[in-house]
């Protein structure tokens, strides 16, 4: 049996709305993933530190504040500095298409905008983390 995919879900910046992040965390848990939710108002430094301590394969950020470019740039820089480039970063939230392109160029694996299905997110993580879609880890 394979180990469950470990995902850190975080709400960086000053945005205080975390309903979407909690819905995603629950959906990933229901899909058999191990989810660590760090809560609101996390800095990139706090997120990378938690990701390192929890030995996660995926960092999922929920950003509604409009600060995604600065936050993600710093987060990706910290991951490189800590030699954690194997950790997949995905984003969700209100992110304009042109920013999504730039974020992917910085190393973000995917940007899920409003309307993305939970199944689409689960499938993407499983596929990229090496676990077939029909398989749940136990």
Protein backbone atom coordinates (compact mmCIF):
# COMPACT_ATOMS: atom_id res chain seq x y z
CA UNK A 1 0.00 0.00 0.00
CA UNK A 2 1.22 3.46 -0.78
CA UNK A 3 1.40 6.23 1.76
CA UNK A 4 -1.29 8.91 1.57
CA UNK A 5 -0.44 12.09 -0.27
CA UNK A 6 0.38 14.78 2.30
CA UNK A 7 -1.03 18.21 1.51
CA UNK A 8 -0.57 21.47 3.40
CA UNK A 9 -3.46 23.90 2.86
CA UNK A 10 -2.75 27.50 3.82
CA UNK A 11 -4.36 30.94 3.72
CA UNK A 12 -1.52 33.41 3.22
CA UNK A 13 -1.77 37.15 3.63
CA UNK A 14 -4.39 39.24 5.34
CA UNK A 15 -7.46 37.65 3.77
CA UNK A 16 -9.74 36.40 6.54
CA UNK A 17 -12.11 34.29 4.41
CA UNK A 18 -11.26 30.60 4.69
CA UNK A 19 -14.47 28.78 3.78
CA UNK A 20 -13.07 27.68 0.40
CA UNK A 21 -9.83 26.45 1.96
CA UNK A 22 -11.79 24.38 4.48
CA UNK A 23 -13.97 22.89 1.72
CA UNK A 24 -10.86 21.93 -0.26
CA UNK A 25 -9.18 20.46 2.84
CA UNK A 26 -12.27 18.33 3.55
CA UNK A 27 -12.50 17.14 -0.06
CA UNK A 28 -8.83 16.13 -0.09
CA UNK A 29 -9.27 14.28 3.22
CA UNK A 30 -12.36 12.54 1.86
CA UNK A 31 -10.24 11.48 -1.14
CA UNK A 32 -7.79 9.74 1.21
CA UNK A 33 -5.12 12.42 1.44
CA UNK A 34 -3.52 13.54 4.67
CA UNK A 35 -4.26 17.26 5.05
CA UNK A 36 -2.67 19.79 7.34
CA UNK A 37 -4.58 23.10 7.47
CA UNK A 38 -2.47 25.93 8.87
CA UNK A 39 -5.26 28.47 9.27
CA UNK A 40 -5.52 32.15 8.43
CA UNK A 41 -2.94 34.89 7.93
CA UNK A 42 0.10 32.74 7.21
CA UNK A 43 3.33 34.24 5.92
CA UNK A 44 5.34 32.48 3.20
CA UNK A 45 7.96 31.74 5.86
CA UNK A 46 5.37 30.10 8.14
CA UNK A 47 3.99 28.04 5.25
CA UNK A 48 7.38 26.75 4.11
CA UNK A 49 8.39 25.97 7.70
CA UNK A 50 5.17 23.98 8.25
CA UNK A 51 5.62 22.20 4.90
CA UNK A 52 9.13 21.17 5.90
CA UNK A 53 8.09 20.01 9.38
CA UNK A 54 5.12 18.04 8.03
CA UNK A 55 7.09 16.59 5.09
CA UNK A 56 4.33 17.38 2.59
CA UNK A 57 4.28 16.65 -1.13
CA UNK A 58 1.84 19.46 -1.97
CA UNK A 59 1.25 23.01 -0.78
CA UNK A 60 -2.20 24.38 -1.61
CA UNK A 61 -2.69 28.10 -1.19
CA UNK A 62 -6.07 29.83 -1.12
CA UNK A 63 -5.66 33.50 -1.98
CA UNK A 64 -8.48 36.00 -2.36
CA UNK A 65 -6.64 39.16 -1.29
CA UNK A 66 -4.99 40.05 -4.60
CA UNK A 67 -1.51 39.64 -3.09
CA UNK A 68 -0.85 36.36 -4.92
CA UNK A 69 2.08 37.61 -7.03
CA UNK A 70 4.17 38.81 -4.08
CA UNK A 71 3.21 35.91 -1.81
CA UNK A 72 3.92 33.20 -4.37
CA UNK A 73 7.19 34.80 -5.51
CA UNK A 74 8.44 34.75 -1.90
CA UNK A 75 7.13 31.23 -1.25
CA UNK A 76 8.83 29.81 -4.35
CA UNK A 77 12.08 31.59 -3.40
CA UNK A 78 11.95 30.03 0.07
CA UNK A 79 11.27 26.56 -1.34
CA UNK A 80 14.35 26.88 -3.55
CA UNK A 81 16.47 28.12 -0.63
CA UNK A 82 15.35 25.17 1.52
CA UNK A 83 15.94 22.73 -1.37
CA UNK A 84 12.25 21.82 -1.41
CA UNK A 85 11.71 22.17 -5.13
CA UNK A 86 10.04 18.75 -5.22
CA UNK A 87 7.05 20.11 -3.31
CA UNK A 88 4.19 20.85 -5.71
CA UNK A 89 2.50 24.23 -5.24
CA UNK A 90 -1.08 24.80 -6.36
CA UNK A 91 -3.25 27.88 -5.95
CA UNK A 92 -6.91 28.58 -5.68
CA UNK A 93 -8.80 31.82 -5.47
CA UNK A 94 -9.41 34.99 -7.38
CA UNK A 95 -6.41 35.06 -9.72
CA UNK A 96 -6.58 36.80 -13.11
CA UNK A 97 -5.64 34.65 -16.13
CA UNK A 98 -2.58 36.77 -16.96
CA UNK A 99 -1.29 36.39 -13.40
CA UNK A 100 -1.93 32.63 -13.52
CA UNK A 101 0.39 32.37 -16.53
CA UNK A 102 3.15 34.26 -14.69
CA UNK A 103 2.67 32.17 -11.55
CA UNK A 104 3.05 28.96 -13.55
CA UNK A 105 6.27 30.35 -15.04
CA UNK A 106 7.53 30.75 -11.46
CA UNK A 107 6.91 27.06 -10.79
CA UNK A 108 3.28 26.85 -9.64
CA UNK A 109 1.85 23.55 -10.89
CA UNK A 110 -1.77 24.72 -11.28
CA UNK A 111 -4.12 27.60 -10.60
CA UNK A 112 -7.71 26.64 -9.80
CA UNK A 113 -10.09 29.55 -10.21
CA UNK A 114 -13.68 29.84 -8.98
CA UNK A 115 -15.80 27.17 -10.62
CA UNK A 116 -13.10 24.49 -10.56
CA UNK A 117 -14.56 21.22 -9.36
CA UNK A 118 -13.30 19.41 -6.28
CA UNK A 119 -12.91 16.28 -8.43
CA UNK A 120 -10.67 18.18 -10.85
CA UNK A 121 -8.41 19.30 -8.00
CA UNK A 122 -8.25 15.82 -6.44
CA UNK A 123 -7.49 14.24 -9.83
CA UNK A 124 -4.74 16.78 -10.57
CA UNK A 125 -3.02 16.21 -7.22
CA UNK A 126 -3.23 12.43 -7.49
CA UNK A 127 -1.93 12.41 -11.04
CA UNK A 128 0.96 14.76 -10.32
CA UNK A 129 1.85 13.14 -7.00
CA UNK A 130 2.01 9.71 -8.68
CA UNK A 131 -1.16 8.14 -7.34
CA UNK A 132 -3.71 6.90 -9.90
CA UNK A 133 -7.13 8.55 -9.69
CA UNK A 134 -9.01 5.43 -8.68
CA UNK A 135 -6.62 4.55 -5.87
CA UNK A 136 -7.02 5.71 -2.29
CA UNK A 137 -4.18 5.29 0.13
CA UNK A 138 -4.80 3.62 3.45
